[in-house]
Amino acid sequence: MKDNSKRFFSILLITVIFLLIIQIILSNRLTVDGRKLIKVQAEIETIEGENNNLKNEIVSIGSLAKLTEQAEAMGFTKEPTIINLSNKIPVAAYSR
């Protein structure tokens, strides 16, 4: 009976040590994954902020007032002058 109890405690001790090692490994992985998660969340927040800034920039560049201002600066007018480059009769108007 003494031999059986020693064997039982030996198996129990080996099992406890094995489970402790597994717990340490899993805790370490969980910590590393938690750090990665925090880093990814920070990147997401940064990218979302940049995305909002770009959206605001697109809205300001694409506004009608801004487009009108740029068009006038490039020489476009609201009432263009029509210039006829030739006085010839168009090809479709010729008759034989």
C-alpha atoms as a PDB file:
ATOM      1  CA  MET A   1       0.000   0.000   0.000  1.00  0.00           C
ATOM      2  CA  LYS A   2       2.888   2.326   0.716  1.00  0.00           C
ATOM      3  CA  ASP A   3       4.199   1.709  -2.771  1.00  0.00           C
ATOM      4  CA  ASN A   4       0.846   2.587  -4.337  1.00  0.00           C
ATOM      5  CA  SER A   5       0.573   5.879  -2.406  1.00  0.00           C
ATOM      6  CA  LYS A   6       4.109   6.887  -3.484  1.00  0.00           C
ATOM      7  CA  ARG A   7       3.222   6.096  -7.054  1.00  0.00           C
ATOM      8  CA  PHE A   8      -0.030   8.059  -6.795  1.00  0.00           C
ATOM      9  CA  PHE A   9       1.724  11.118  -5.358  1.00  0.00           C
ATOM     10  CA  SER A  10       4.460  10.891  -7.984  1.00  0.00           C
ATOM     11  CA  ILE A  11       1.879  10.847 -10.789  1.00  0.00           C
ATOM     12  CA  LEU A  12      -0.025  13.663  -9.075  1.00  0.00           C
ATOM     13  CA  LEU A  13       3.147  15.747  -8.729  1.00  0.00           C
ATOM     14  CA  ILE A  14       4.118  15.185 -12.380  1.00  0.00           C
ATOM     15  CA  THR A  15       0.584  16.130 -13.482  1.00  0.00           C
ATOM     16  CA  VAL A  16       0.583  19.305 -11.370  1.00  0.00           C
ATOM     17  CA  ILE A  17       4.008  20.347 -12.708  1.00  0.00           C
ATOM     18  CA  PHE A  18       2.871  19.649 -16.284  1.00  0.00           C
ATOM     19  CA  LEU A  19      -0.292  21.713 -15.806  1.00  0.00           C
ATOM     20  CA  LEU A  20       1.705  24.578 -14.243  1.00  0.00           C
ATOM     21  CA  ILE A  21       4.046  24.626 -17.249  1.00  0.00           C
ATOM     22  CA  ILE A  22       1.075  24.692 -19.624  1.00  0.00           C
ATOM     23  CA  GLN A  23      -0.507  27.527 -17.629  1.00  0.00           C
ATOM     24  CA  ILE A  24       2.720  29.562 -17.778  1.00  0.00           C
ATOM     25  CA  ILE A  25       3.010  29.052 -21.541  1.00  0.00           C
ATOM     26  CA  LEU A  26      -0.633  30.029 -22.139  1.00  0.00           C
ATOM     27  CA  SER A  27      -0.344  33.078 -19.868  1.00  0.00           C
ATOM     28  CA  ASN A  28       2.743  34.208 -21.783  1.00  0.00           C
ATOM     29  CA  ARG A  29       0.946  33.831 -25.126  1.00  0.00           C
ATOM     30  CA  LEU A  30      -2.064  35.714 -23.788  1.00  0.00           C
ATOM     31  CA  THR A  31       0.174  38.583 -22.676  1.00  0.00           C
ATOM     32  CA  VAL A  32       1.911  38.762 -26.059  1.00  0.00           C
ATOM     33  CA  ASP A  33      -1.422  38.639 -27.886  1.00  0.00           C
ATOM     34  CA  GLY A  34      -2.775  41.383 -25.612  1.00  0.00           C
ATOM     35  CA  ARG A  35       0.155  43.632 -26.496  1.00  0.00           C
ATOM     36  CA  LYS A  36      -0.376  42.951 -30.193  1.00  0.00           C
ATOM     37  CA  LEU A  37      -4.072  43.751 -29.810  1.00  0.00           C
ATOM     38  CA  ILE A  38      -3.295  47.076 -28.129  1.00  0.00           C
ATOM     39  CA  LYS A  39      -0.851  47.945 -30.915  1.00  0.00           C
ATOM     40  CA  VAL A  40      -3.390  47.061 -33.623  1.00  0.00           C
ATOM     41  CA  GLN A  41      -6.110  49.092 -31.888  1.00  0.00           C
ATOM     42  CA  ALA A  42      -3.775  52.107 -31.742  1.00  0.00           C
ATOM     43  CA  GLU A  43      -3.054  51.722 -35.469  1.00  0.00           C
ATOM     44  CA  ILE A  44      -6.783  51.496 -36.193  1.00  0.00           C
ATOM     45  CA  GLU A  45      -7.436  54.717 -34.268  1.00  0.00           C
ATOM     46  CA  THR A  46      -4.613  56.482 -36.123  1.00  0.00           C
ATOM     47  CA  ILE A  47      -5.869  55.331 -39.523  1.00  0.00           C
ATOM     48  CA  GLU A  48      -9.457  56.292 -38.674  1.00  0.00           C
ATOM     49  CA  GLY A  49      -8.252  59.781 -37.710  1.00  0.00           C
ATOM     50  CA  GLU A  50      -6.329  60.114 -40.973  1.00  0.00           C
ATOM     51  CA  ASN A  51      -9.379  58.840 -42.867  1.00  0.00           C
ATOM     52  CA  ASN A  52     -11.596  61.490 -41.261  1.00  0.00           C
ATOM     53  CA  ASN A  53      -9.048  64.195 -42.122  1.00  0.00           C
ATOM     54  CA  LEU A  54      -8.965  63.035 -45.743  1.00  0.00           C
ATOM     55  CA  LYS A  55     -12.772  62.989 -45.912  1.00  0.00           C
ATOM     56  CA  ASN A  56     -12.857  66.570 -44.644  1.00  0.00           C
ATOM     57  CA  GLU A  57     -10.220  67.574 -47.182  1.00  0.00           C
ATOM     58  CA  ILE A  58     -12.199  65.949 -50.009  1.00  0.00           C
ATOM     59  CA  VAL A  59     -15.316  67.809 -48.933  1.00  0.00           C
ATOM     60  CA  SER A  60     -13.511  71.142 -48.791  1.00  0.00           C
ATOM     61  CA  ILE A  61     -11.778  70.640 -52.149  1.00  0.00           C
ATOM     62  CA  GLY A  62     -14.927  69.400 -53.841  1.00  0.00           C
ATOM     63  CA  SER A  63     -17.206  72.163 -52.575  1.00  0.00           C
ATOM     64  CA  LEU A  64     -19.011  74.158 -55.248  1.00  0.00           C
ATOM     65  CA  ALA A  65     -17.530  77.474 -54.114  1.00  0.00           C
ATOM     66  CA  LYS A  66     -13.995  76.084 -54.303  1.00  0.00           C
ATOM     67  CA  LEU A  67     -14.611  74.603 -57.755  1.00  0.00           C
ATOM     68  CA  THR A  68     -16.034  77.911 -58.998  1.00  0.00           C
ATOM     69  CA  GLU A  69     -13.022  79.769 -57.649  1.00  0.00           C
ATOM     70  CA  GLN A  70     -10.597  77.372 -59.321  1.00  0.00           C
ATOM     71  CA  ALA A  71     -12.485  77.517 -62.624  1.00  0.00           C
ATOM     72  CA  GLU A  72     -12.382  81.318 -62.646  1.00  0.00           C
ATOM     73  CA  ALA A  73      -8.670  81.253 -61.845  1.00  0.00           C
ATOM     74  CA  MET A  74      -8.127  78.975 -64.859  1.00  0.00           C
ATOM     75  CA  GLY A  75      -9.979  81.373 -67.158  1.00  0.00           C
ATOM     76  CA  PHE A  76     -13.369  79.712 -67.392  1.00  0.00           C
ATOM     77  CA  THR A  77     -16.340  82.068 -67.542  1.00  0.00           C
ATOM     78  CA  LYS A  78     -20.074  81.695 -67.012  1.00  0.00           C
ATOM     79  CA  GLU A  79     -20.929  83.147 -70.437  1.00  0.00           C
ATOM     80  CA  PRO A  80     -18.321  82.042 -72.947  1.00  0.00           C
ATOM     81  CA  THR A  81     -17.657  83.971 -76.142  1.00  0.00           C
ATOM     82  CA  ILE A  82     -18.397  81.935 -79.271  1.00  0.00           C
ATOM     83  CA  ILE A  83     -15.799  82.301 -81.999  1.00  0.00           C
ATOM     84  CA  ASN A  84     -16.420  81.045 -85.528  1.00  0.00           C
ATOM     85  CA  LEU A  85     -13.091  79.912 -86.980  1.00  0.00           C
ATOM     86  CA  SER A  86     -14.175  79.591 -90.584  1.00  0.00           C
ATOM     87  CA  ASN A  87     -16.747  81.155 -92.881  1.00  0.00           C
ATOM     88  CA  LYS A  88     -16.934  78.137 -95.130  1.00  0.00           C
ATOM     89  CA  ILE A  89     -20.159  76.248 -95.533  1.00  0.00           C
ATOM     90  CA  PRO A  90     -20.105  72.909 -93.724  1.00  0.00           C
ATOM     91  CA  VAL A  91     -19.652  69.728 -95.763  1.00  0.00           C
ATOM     92  CA  ALA A  92     -23.202  68.614 -95.054  1.00  0.00           C
ATOM     93  CA  ALA A  93     -24.595  71.764 -96.656  1.00  0.00           C
ATOM     94  CA  TYR A  94     -22.957  71.174-100.118  1.00  0.00           C
ATOM     95  CA  SER A  95     -25.262  70.111-102.902  1.00  0.00           C
ATOM     96  CA  ARG A  96     -24.346  69.050-106.453  1.00  0.00           C
END
